[in-house]
Amino acid sequence: MRTKIYILGLACLLLISCSEKGGSPSGPLVPQTLDPNIVSFTANPTTIKLGEKSTLSWEVHDCTSVEIDVGIGKVDHTDSIEVSPSETTYYTLRAFNQVPEYEGQAYVGRSATKTSTVTVEK
C-alpha cells in the first residue's frame, strides 16, 4: 500500500512540475481556427463584350461564411453565379472562419480573400 501512495505522490509532483514549466497550458483555452482555404475563384470568360455574361465560380473550405462584393453578398461555400457588368469589374471573394472565444467574450477568426476580374470591351 505504501508503494502505491509513493508512486501516486511522485506522479502528482511530476504533473505540478510540468505545469509550472509550461508543460501544459494554464488559463482559459481559446479554440483554434483554421485559415479559410479558397481552392478557386474564377471568372469564365474573363473578357466579355458589353451585354454578355461571365460566370464566377468558387470553392472554399474550412470557413463559416463566404461573401462576394459588388452587390452579390453572402454565398454558399461552393457555387457559381452569372454576372453581366457594364464595365470592367474586380470581384473580391472573402471567406471567414469565426468561432466564439472561450467564455463567450468575443469572436476569434481568420479570413482569406481572392479577386477575379471580368474585363468588359465596349
C-alpha atoms as a PDB file:
ATOM      1  CA  MET A   1       0.000   0.000   0.000  1.00  0.00           C
ATOM      2  CA  ARG A   2       2.859   2.353   0.851  1.00  0.00           C
ATOM      3  CA  THR A   3       4.404   1.808  -2.595  1.00  0.00           C
ATOM      4  CA  LYS A   4       1.166   2.819  -4.332  1.00  0.00           C
ATOM      5  CA  ILE A   5       0.917   6.045  -2.324  1.00  0.00           C
ATOM      6  CA  TYR A   6       4.588   6.825  -3.019  1.00  0.00           C
ATOM      7  CA  ILE A   7       4.121   6.326  -6.789  1.00  0.00           C
ATOM      8  CA  LEU A   8       0.926   8.402  -6.788  1.00  0.00           C
ATOM      9  CA  GLY A   9       2.735  11.187  -4.917  1.00  0.00           C
ATOM     10  CA  LEU A  10       5.590  11.186  -7.442  1.00  0.00           C
ATOM     11  CA  ALA A  11       3.111  11.355 -10.326  1.00  0.00           C
ATOM     12  CA  CYS A  12       1.419  14.385  -8.739  1.00  0.00           C
ATOM     13  CA  LEU A  13       4.765  16.150  -8.247  1.00  0.00           C
ATOM     14  CA  LEU A  14       5.690  15.459 -11.863  1.00  0.00           C
ATOM     15  CA  LEU A  15       2.402  16.933 -13.116  1.00  0.00           C
ATOM     16  CA  ILE A  16       2.808  20.045 -10.969  1.00  0.00           C
ATOM     17  CA  SER A  17       6.397  20.472 -12.154  1.00  0.00           C
ATOM     18  CA  CYS A  18       5.417  20.204 -15.833  1.00  0.00           C
ATOM     19  CA  SER A  19       2.575  22.676 -15.368  1.00  0.00           C
ATOM     20  CA  GLU A  20       4.872  25.287 -13.796  1.00  0.00           C
ATOM     21  CA  LYS A  21       7.433  24.939 -16.600  1.00  0.00           C
ATOM     22  CA  GLY A  22       4.924  25.379 -19.406  1.00  0.00           C
ATOM     23  CA  GLY A  23       4.401  21.663 -19.992  1.00  0.00           C
ATOM     24  CA  SER A  24       0.653  22.170 -20.047  1.00  0.00           C
ATOM     25  CA  PRO A  25      -1.401  25.290 -20.762  1.00  0.00           C
ATOM     26  CA  SER A  26      -2.667  27.495 -17.995  1.00  0.00           C
ATOM     27  CA  GLY A  27      -5.577  29.904 -18.203  1.00  0.00           C
ATOM     28  CA  PRO A  28      -8.601  29.665 -20.499  1.00  0.00           C
ATOM     29  CA  LEU A  29      -8.236  27.803 -23.759  1.00  0.00           C
ATOM     30  CA  VAL A  30      -9.257  29.561 -26.975  1.00  0.00           C
ATOM     31  CA  PRO A  31     -10.458  27.307 -29.803  1.00  0.00           C
ATOM     32  CA  GLN A  32      -8.007  27.130 -32.674  1.00  0.00           C
ATOM     33  CA  THR A  33      -9.320  28.333 -36.019  1.00  0.00           C
ATOM     34  CA  LEU A  34      -8.081  27.327 -39.423  1.00  0.00           C
ATOM     35  CA  ASP A  35      -7.322  29.766 -42.180  1.00  0.00           C
ATOM     36  CA  PRO A  36     -10.100  29.577 -44.763  1.00  0.00           C
ATOM     37  CA  ASN A  37      -8.938  27.711 -47.858  1.00  0.00           C
ATOM     38  CA  ILE A  38     -10.035  29.360 -51.113  1.00  0.00           C
ATOM     39  CA  VAL A  39      -9.464  26.493 -53.515  1.00  0.00           C
ATOM     40  CA  SER A  40     -10.584  28.523 -56.543  1.00  0.00           C
ATOM     41  CA  PHE A  41     -12.324  31.732 -57.586  1.00  0.00           C
ATOM     42  CA  THR A  42     -12.531  32.229 -61.336  1.00  0.00           C
ATOM     43  CA  ALA A  43     -14.399  34.154 -63.994  1.00  0.00           C
ATOM     44  CA  ASN A  44     -15.212  32.431 -67.282  1.00  0.00           C
ATOM     45  CA  PRO A  45     -14.829  34.059 -69.683  1.00  0.00           C
ATOM     46  CA  THR A  46     -12.573  36.734 -68.229  1.00  0.00           C
ATOM     47  CA  THR A  47     -13.310  39.130 -71.107  1.00  0.00           C
ATOM     48  CA  ILE A  48     -16.798  39.878 -72.417  1.00  0.00           C
ATOM     49  CA  LYS A  49     -18.486  42.409 -74.679  1.00  0.00           C
ATOM     50  CA  LEU A  50     -20.985  44.832 -73.178  1.00  0.00           C
ATOM     51  CA  GLY A  51     -24.256  42.951 -72.539  1.00  0.00           C
ATOM     52  CA  GLU A  52     -22.656  39.477 -72.417  1.00  0.00           C
ATOM     53  CA  LYS A  53     -22.348  37.300 -69.311  1.00  0.00           C
ATOM     54  CA  SER A  54     -19.469  35.743 -67.410  1.00  0.00           C
ATOM     55  CA  THR A  55     -19.720  33.020 -64.783  1.00  0.00           C
ATOM     56  CA  LEU A  56     -17.997  33.452 -61.432  1.00  0.00           C
ATOM     57  CA  SER A  57     -17.229  30.065 -59.847  1.00  0.00           C
ATOM     58  CA  TRP A  58     -15.670  29.305 -56.483  1.00  0.00           C
ATOM     59  CA  GLU A  59     -14.853  26.593 -53.993  1.00  0.00           C
ATOM     60  CA  VAL A  60     -13.939  27.350 -50.386  1.00  0.00           C
ATOM     61  CA  HIS A  61     -13.152  25.020 -47.466  1.00  0.00           C
ATOM     62  CA  ASP A  62     -12.604  25.471 -43.717  1.00  0.00           C
ATOM     63  CA  CYS A  63     -14.807  28.515 -43.285  1.00  0.00           C
ATOM     64  CA  THR A  64     -18.036  29.574 -41.628  1.00  0.00           C
ATOM     65  CA  SER A  65     -19.167  32.107 -44.256  1.00  0.00           C
ATOM     66  CA  VAL A  66     -18.375  33.362 -47.755  1.00  0.00           C
ATOM     67  CA  GLU A  67     -19.307  36.607 -49.476  1.00  0.00           C
ATOM     68  CA  ILE A  68     -18.576  38.389 -52.729  1.00  0.00           C
ATOM     69  CA  ASP A  69     -18.587  42.161 -53.039  1.00  0.00           C
ATOM     70  CA  VAL A  70     -20.046  44.335 -55.852  1.00  0.00           C
ATOM     71  CA  GLY A  71     -23.606  43.743 -54.666  1.00  0.00           C
ATOM     72  CA  ILE A  72     -23.554  39.922 -54.631  1.00  0.00           C
ATOM     73  CA  GLY A  73     -23.338  39.350 -50.860  1.00  0.00           C
ATOM     74  CA  LYS A  74     -23.339  36.063 -48.930  1.00  0.00           C
ATOM     75  CA  VAL A  75     -22.978  32.890 -50.995  1.00  0.00           C
ATOM     76  CA  ASP A  76     -22.567  29.142 -50.484  1.00  0.00           C
ATOM     77  CA  HIS A  77     -19.102  27.638 -49.988  1.00  0.00           C
ATOM     78  CA  THR A  78     -19.117  26.134 -53.484  1.00  0.00           C
ATOM     79  CA  ASP A  79     -21.255  27.624 -56.217  1.00  0.00           C
ATOM     80  CA  SER A  80     -21.349  29.824 -59.304  1.00  0.00           C
ATOM     81  CA  ILE A  81     -23.234  32.888 -60.454  1.00  0.00           C
ATOM     82  CA  GLU A  82     -23.636  34.701 -63.765  1.00  0.00           C
ATOM     83  CA  VAL A  83     -22.683  38.363 -63.891  1.00  0.00           C
ATOM     84  CA  SER A  84     -23.078  40.959 -66.607  1.00  0.00           C
ATOM     85  CA  PRO A  85     -21.129  44.042 -65.563  1.00  0.00           C
ATOM     86  CA  SER A  86     -21.367  47.234 -67.620  1.00  0.00           C
ATOM     87  CA  GLU A  87     -17.656  47.966 -67.142  1.00  0.00           C
ATOM     88  CA  THR A  88     -14.506  46.088 -66.111  1.00  0.00           C
ATOM     89  CA  THR A  89     -15.165  44.842 -62.591  1.00  0.00           C
ATOM     90  CA  TYR A  90     -12.939  43.353 -59.895  1.00  0.00           C
ATOM     91  CA  TYR A  91     -14.869  40.842 -57.787  1.00  0.00           C
ATOM     92  CA  THR A  92     -13.446  40.007 -54.357  1.00  0.00           C
ATOM     93  CA  LEU A  93     -14.431  36.812 -52.567  1.00  0.00           C
ATOM     94  CA  ARG A  94     -13.972  36.874 -48.793  1.00  0.00           C
ATOM     95  CA  ALA A  95     -14.082  33.726 -46.683  1.00  0.00           C
ATOM     96  CA  PHE A  96     -14.355  33.892 -42.902  1.00  0.00           C
ATOM     97  CA  ASN A  97     -13.788  31.357 -40.167  1.00  0.00           C
ATOM     98  CA  GLN A  98     -15.145  32.660 -36.887  1.00  0.00           C
ATOM     99  CA  VAL A  99     -15.750  30.749 -33.669  1.00  0.00           C
ATOM    100  CA  PRO A 100     -16.868  32.038 -30.276  1.00  0.00           C
ATOM    101  CA  GLU A 101     -13.950  32.705 -27.978  1.00  0.00           C
ATOM    102  CA  TYR A 102     -13.718  30.690 -24.765  1.00  0.00           C
ATOM    103  CA  GLU A 103     -16.135  32.091 -22.183  1.00  0.00           C
ATOM    104  CA  GLY A 104     -18.118  33.837 -24.949  1.00  0.00           C
ATOM    105  CA  GLN A 105     -16.297  37.170 -24.762  1.00  0.00           C
ATOM    106  CA  ALA A 106     -15.979  37.859 -28.479  1.00  0.00           C
ATOM    107  CA  TYR A 107     -15.204  36.163 -31.753  1.00  0.00           C
ATOM    108  CA  VAL A 108     -11.828  34.978 -32.897  1.00  0.00           C
ATOM    109  CA  GLY A 109     -11.363  34.193 -36.521  1.00  0.00           C
ATOM    110  CA  ARG A 110      -9.437  34.327 -39.692  1.00  0.00           C
ATOM    111  CA  SER A 111     -10.223  35.399 -43.217  1.00  0.00           C
ATOM    112  CA  ALA A 112      -8.936  34.990 -46.739  1.00  0.00           C
ATOM    113  CA  THR A 113      -9.603  36.902 -49.943  1.00  0.00           C
ATOM    114  CA  LYS A 114      -9.181  36.306 -53.640  1.00  0.00           C
ATOM    115  CA  THR A 115     -10.057  38.507 -56.614  1.00  0.00           C
ATOM    116  CA  SER A 116     -11.295  37.718 -60.111  1.00  0.00           C
ATOM    117  CA  THR A 117     -11.661  40.271 -62.876  1.00  0.00           C
ATOM    118  CA  VAL A 118     -14.223  40.470 -65.666  1.00  0.00           C
ATOM    119  CA  THR A 119     -13.000  42.817 -68.402  1.00  0.00           C
ATOM    120  CA  VAL A 120     -15.710  44.477 -70.488  1.00  0.00           C
ATOM    121  CA  GLU A 121     -14.839  45.500 -74.050  1.00  0.00           C
ATOM    122  CA  LYS A 122     -17.014  48.320 -75.365  1.00  0.00           C
END
